[in-house]
Amino acid sequence: MKVSEKYPVEIRFRIENVSSIYFTGSEKKAIELMNKYNINYVYISQLEELMYHVKLNKLEEKIYYELVYQSSVQIYKIKNS
């Protein structure tokens, strides 16, 4: 069953937007989407790295993100939040 058949429209949009936050090369677009959903923190574990192919160097951009926790997971605070 495809995502489009399994979930209502608003859930599909959210799933697509979450993917866009991780995949986009545009910091502006990622920040806009995070603001839309009132996201203040980004949690990165092995699961997110595998599912979304997260490039941690993107989150290490100190203009937009602040690393607030690092162990087996990383948690970044969105600076404009």
N, C-alpha and C. Protein backbone atom coordinates (compact mmCIF):
# COMPACT_ATOMS: atom_id res chain seq x y z
N MET A 1 0.84 -1.18 0.00
CA MET A 1 0.00 0.00 0.00
C MET A 1 0.89 1.24 0.00
N LYS A 2 0.61 2.16 -0.88
CA LYS A 2 1.37 3.40 -0.99
C LYS A 2 0.97 4.36 0.13
N VAL A 3 1.90 5.29 0.44
CA VAL A 3 1.61 6.33 1.44
C VAL A 3 0.35 7.08 1.05
N SER A 4 0.17 7.35 -0.24
CA SER A 4 -0.97 8.13 -0.71
C SER A 4 -2.30 7.42 -0.46
N GLU A 5 -2.30 6.11 -0.37
CA GLU A 5 -3.52 5.37 -0.12
C GLU A 5 -3.76 5.13 1.37
N LYS A 6 -2.71 5.14 2.14
CA LYS A 6 -2.78 4.74 3.54
C LYS A 6 -3.19 5.88 4.47
N TYR A 7 -2.83 7.09 4.15
CA TYR A 7 -3.04 8.22 5.06
C TYR A 7 -3.92 9.29 4.44
N PRO A 8 -4.62 10.04 5.30
CA PRO A 8 -5.38 11.20 4.78
C PRO A 8 -4.43 12.25 4.21
N VAL A 9 -4.98 13.15 3.44
CA VAL A 9 -4.20 14.16 2.72
C VAL A 9 -3.28 14.95 3.66
N GLU A 10 -3.80 15.43 4.79
CA GLU A 10 -2.98 16.27 5.66
C GLU A 10 -1.78 15.50 6.25
N ILE A 11 -1.94 14.20 6.48
CA ILE A 11 -0.83 13.38 6.97
C ILE A 11 0.20 13.19 5.86
N ARG A 12 -0.26 12.98 4.64
CA ARG A 12 0.67 12.83 3.50
C ARG A 12 1.50 14.08 3.32
N PHE A 13 0.87 15.26 3.43
CA PHE A 13 1.62 16.51 3.30
C PHE A 13 2.69 16.62 4.38
N ARG A 14 2.34 16.25 5.59
CA ARG A 14 3.31 16.32 6.69
C ARG A 14 4.48 15.37 6.45
N ILE A 15 4.18 14.16 6.01
CA ILE A 15 5.24 13.18 5.71
C ILE A 15 6.16 13.73 4.61
N GLU A 16 5.58 14.29 3.58
CA GLU A 16 6.37 14.87 2.49
C GLU A 16 7.21 16.04 2.99
N ASN A 17 6.65 16.87 3.86
CA ASN A 17 7.39 18.01 4.38
C ASN A 17 8.54 17.58 5.28
N VAL A 18 8.33 16.54 6.08
CA VAL A 18 9.43 16.03 6.91
C VAL A 18 10.57 15.56 6.02
N SER A 19 10.23 14.83 4.97
CA SER A 19 11.27 14.39 4.03
C SER A 19 11.97 15.59 3.41
N SER A 20 11.22 16.61 3.05
CA SER A 20 11.82 17.81 2.45
C SER A 20 12.78 18.49 3.42
N ILE A 21 12.43 18.53 4.70
CA ILE A 21 13.32 19.16 5.69
C ILE A 21 14.68 18.47 5.67
N TYR A 22 14.67 17.15 5.63
CA TYR A 22 15.94 16.41 5.64
C TYR A 22 16.66 16.44 4.30
N PHE A 23 15.91 16.35 3.20
CA PHE A 23 16.52 16.19 1.88
C PHE A 23 16.89 17.49 1.18
N THR A 24 16.21 18.58 1.46
CA THR A 24 16.44 19.79 0.70
C THR A 24 17.86 20.32 0.89
N GLY A 25 18.37 20.90 -0.17
CA GLY A 25 19.67 21.57 -0.08
C GLY A 25 19.50 23.02 0.31
N SER A 26 18.25 23.46 0.42
CA SER A 26 17.96 24.85 0.73
C SER A 26 17.68 25.02 2.22
N GLU A 27 18.57 25.70 2.90
CA GLU A 27 18.35 25.97 4.33
C GLU A 27 17.09 26.80 4.52
N LYS A 28 16.86 27.74 3.61
CA LYS A 28 15.68 28.60 3.70
C LYS A 28 14.40 27.75 3.70
N LYS A 29 14.31 26.81 2.78
CA LYS A 29 13.12 25.95 2.69
C LYS A 29 12.98 25.09 3.94
N ALA A 30 14.09 24.52 4.41
CA ALA A 30 14.05 23.68 5.61
C ALA A 30 13.57 24.48 6.81
N ILE A 31 14.10 25.69 6.99
CA ILE A 31 13.72 26.54 8.12
C ILE A 31 12.25 26.94 8.00
N GLU A 32 11.80 27.28 6.79
CA GLU A 32 10.39 27.65 6.59
C GLU A 32 9.46 26.50 7.00
N LEU A 33 9.81 25.28 6.59
CA LEU A 33 8.99 24.13 6.95
C LEU A 33 9.02 23.87 8.46
N MET A 34 10.18 24.01 9.06
CA MET A 34 10.27 23.81 10.51
C MET A 34 9.45 24.86 11.26
N ASN A 35 9.47 26.08 10.77
CA ASN A 35 8.66 27.13 11.38
C ASN A 35 7.17 26.84 11.20
N LYS A 36 6.79 26.32 10.06
CA LYS A 36 5.39 25.99 9.78
C LYS A 36 4.83 25.02 10.83
N TYR A 37 5.67 24.07 11.24
CA TYR A 37 5.24 23.06 12.20
C TYR A 37 5.72 23.34 13.63
N ASN A 38 6.22 24.55 13.84
CA ASN A 38 6.72 24.95 15.16
C ASN A 38 7.77 23.98 15.71
N ILE A 39 8.66 23.56 14.84
CA ILE A 39 9.73 22.66 15.25
C ILE A 39 10.86 23.49 15.85
N ASN A 40 11.24 23.16 17.07
CA ASN A 40 12.32 23.86 17.75
C ASN A 40 13.60 23.06 17.81
N TYR A 41 13.47 21.73 17.71
CA TYR A 41 14.62 20.86 17.82
C TYR A 41 14.57 19.80 16.72
N VAL A 42 15.76 19.39 16.26
CA VAL A 42 15.87 18.30 15.30
C VAL A 42 16.64 17.18 15.99
N TYR A 43 16.04 16.01 16.04
CA TYR A 43 16.59 14.82 16.68
C TYR A 43 17.13 13.91 15.58
N ILE A 44 18.40 13.55 15.68
CA ILE A 44 19.01 12.68 14.68
C ILE A 44 19.58 11.45 15.37
N SER A 45 19.04 10.31 15.02
CA SER A 45 19.57 9.02 15.48
C SER A 45 19.96 8.22 14.25
N GLN A 46 20.37 6.99 14.46
CA GLN A 46 20.69 6.13 13.31
C GLN A 46 19.47 5.94 12.42
N LEU A 47 18.28 5.90 13.01
CA LEU A 47 17.07 5.72 12.22
C LEU A 47 16.88 6.86 11.22
N GLU A 48 17.01 8.10 11.69
CA GLU A 48 16.86 9.25 10.78
C GLU A 48 17.97 9.26 9.73
N GLU A 49 19.17 8.90 10.14
CA GLU A 49 20.28 8.87 9.18
C GLU A 49 20.00 7.85 8.08
N LEU A 50 19.43 6.69 8.45
CA LEU A 50 19.14 5.67 7.46
C LEU A 50 17.91 6.01 6.62
N MET A 51 16.85 6.48 7.25
CA MET A 51 15.60 6.76 6.53
C MET A 51 15.73 7.96 5.59
N TYR A 52 16.42 9.00 6.06
CA TYR A 52 16.46 10.26 5.32
C TYR A 52 17.83 10.59 4.76
N HIS A 53 18.79 9.70 4.95
CA HIS A 53 20.16 9.94 4.47
C HIS A 53 20.65 11.32 4.92
N VAL A 54 20.47 11.59 6.19
CA VAL A 54 20.80 12.90 6.76
C VAL A 54 22.28 13.18 6.60
N LYS A 55 22.56 14.35 6.13
CA LYS A 55 23.94 14.84 6.05
C LYS A 55 24.16 15.73 7.28
N LEU A 56 24.89 15.24 8.25
CA LEU A 56 25.06 15.98 9.50
C LEU A 56 25.76 17.31 9.29
N ASN A 57 26.59 17.42 8.24
CA ASN A 57 27.27 18.70 8.01
C ASN A 57 26.27 19.81 7.72
N LYS A 58 25.10 19.47 7.18
CA LYS A 58 24.04 20.46 6.96
C LYS A 58 23.58 21.04 8.30
N LEU A 59 23.45 20.18 9.31
CA LEU A 59 22.98 20.62 10.62
C LEU A 59 24.08 21.28 11.44
N GLU A 60 25.30 21.16 10.99
CA GLU A 60 26.41 21.79 11.71
C GLU A 60 26.60 23.25 11.31
N GLU A 61 25.73 23.75 10.45
CA GLU A 61 25.78 25.16 10.06
C GLU A 61 25.34 26.00 11.26
N LYS A 62 26.29 26.62 11.92
CA LYS A 62 26.04 27.31 13.19
C LYS A 62 25.16 28.55 13.07
N ILE A 63 24.94 29.02 11.86
CA ILE A 63 24.05 30.17 11.67
C ILE A 63 22.61 29.77 11.99
N TYR A 64 22.23 28.54 11.64
CA TYR A 64 20.84 28.09 11.75
C TYR A 64 20.60 27.14 12.92
N TYR A 65 21.61 26.37 13.29
CA TYR A 65 21.42 25.29 14.26
C TYR A 65 22.46 25.36 15.37
N GLU A 66 22.07 24.91 16.54
CA GLU A 66 22.99 24.80 17.67
C GLU A 66 22.92 23.38 18.19
N LEU A 67 24.05 22.69 18.22
CA LEU A 67 24.10 21.34 18.77
C LEU A 67 23.93 21.44 20.28
N VAL A 68 22.88 20.82 20.82
CA VAL A 68 22.62 20.92 22.25
C VAL A 68 22.83 19.59 22.97
N TYR A 69 22.93 18.51 22.22
CA TYR A 69 23.18 17.20 22.83
C TYR A 69 23.85 16.31 21.80
N GLN A 70 24.85 15.55 22.28
CA GLN A 70 25.52 14.61 21.37
C GLN A 70 25.97 13.40 22.16
N SER A 71 25.54 12.26 21.71
CA SER A 71 25.94 10.97 22.26
C SER A 71 25.71 9.97 21.13
N SER A 72 24.86 8.97 21.36
CA SER A 72 24.51 8.08 20.25
C SER A 72 23.50 8.76 19.33
N VAL A 73 22.94 9.88 19.79
CA VAL A 73 22.05 10.71 18.98
C VAL A 73 22.57 12.14 19.04
N GLN A 74 22.10 12.97 18.10
CA GLN A 74 22.41 14.39 18.13
C GLN A 74 21.09 15.14 18.17
N ILE A 75 21.05 16.20 18.96
CA ILE A 75 19.88 17.06 19.01
C ILE A 75 20.35 18.48 18.72
N TYR A 76 19.71 19.09 17.73
CA TYR A 76 20.03 20.44 17.31
C TYR A 76 18.86 21.35 17.61
N LYS A 77 19.14 22.51 18.16
CA LYS A 77 18.13 23.54 18.37
C LYS A 77 18.13 24.45 17.16
N ILE A 78 16.93 24.78 16.69
CA ILE A 78 16.80 25.74 15.59
C ILE A 78 16.99 27.11 16.19
N LYS A 79 17.95 27.86 15.70
CA LYS A 79 18.32 29.14 16.33
C LYS A 79 17.24 30.20 16.27
N ASN A 80 16.39 30.20 15.27
CA ASN A 80 15.36 31.23 15.19
C ASN A 80 14.12 30.84 15.98
N SER A 81 14.16 29.75 16.72
CA SER A 81 13.01 29.29 17.50
C SER A 81 13.01 29.91 18.88
